[in-house]
């Protein structure tokens, strides 16, 4: 019944909406590529290609950054010399516009600090030839 109601809304809006059947493969491959680039200081500047100049949003530890330039500025301001992400789980869901919702849980280690748990969420949106990160939220899982 709920599915019928939702399908009706989509029809009334008049837009054809399809979910990407490869959402899980694409999402997990994205996560692998993202952290490989992020963890390598030589490759980190290449993350720029994953974001939209104006339409990407990042919430990093509660601070908002909009657009690829501001996002890369934030990444450049991080003070660690070395970082390693160890992914525990990646959960992906398809979105009605062909996008992909990705939730990552893991641990990261910076320099000589002990490992910290983190959660990282992405929404990938389809572009003409690939995907871009439209929304991203990162938070260390620290409890006081």
Foldseek 3Di string as FASTA:
>chain_A
DVVVVVVVVCVVVPDQWDWDPCQVVQQVVVVVVQQVQLQDPVNVVVLLVQAAQFQAWEQEANDIAGGSVRVVVVSVPDDFPGKHWDWDDWDWDTDRRHKIKIKTWTWMDTDPDDIFIKIKIFIWHDDPPGTHTRYMYIDTPDDD
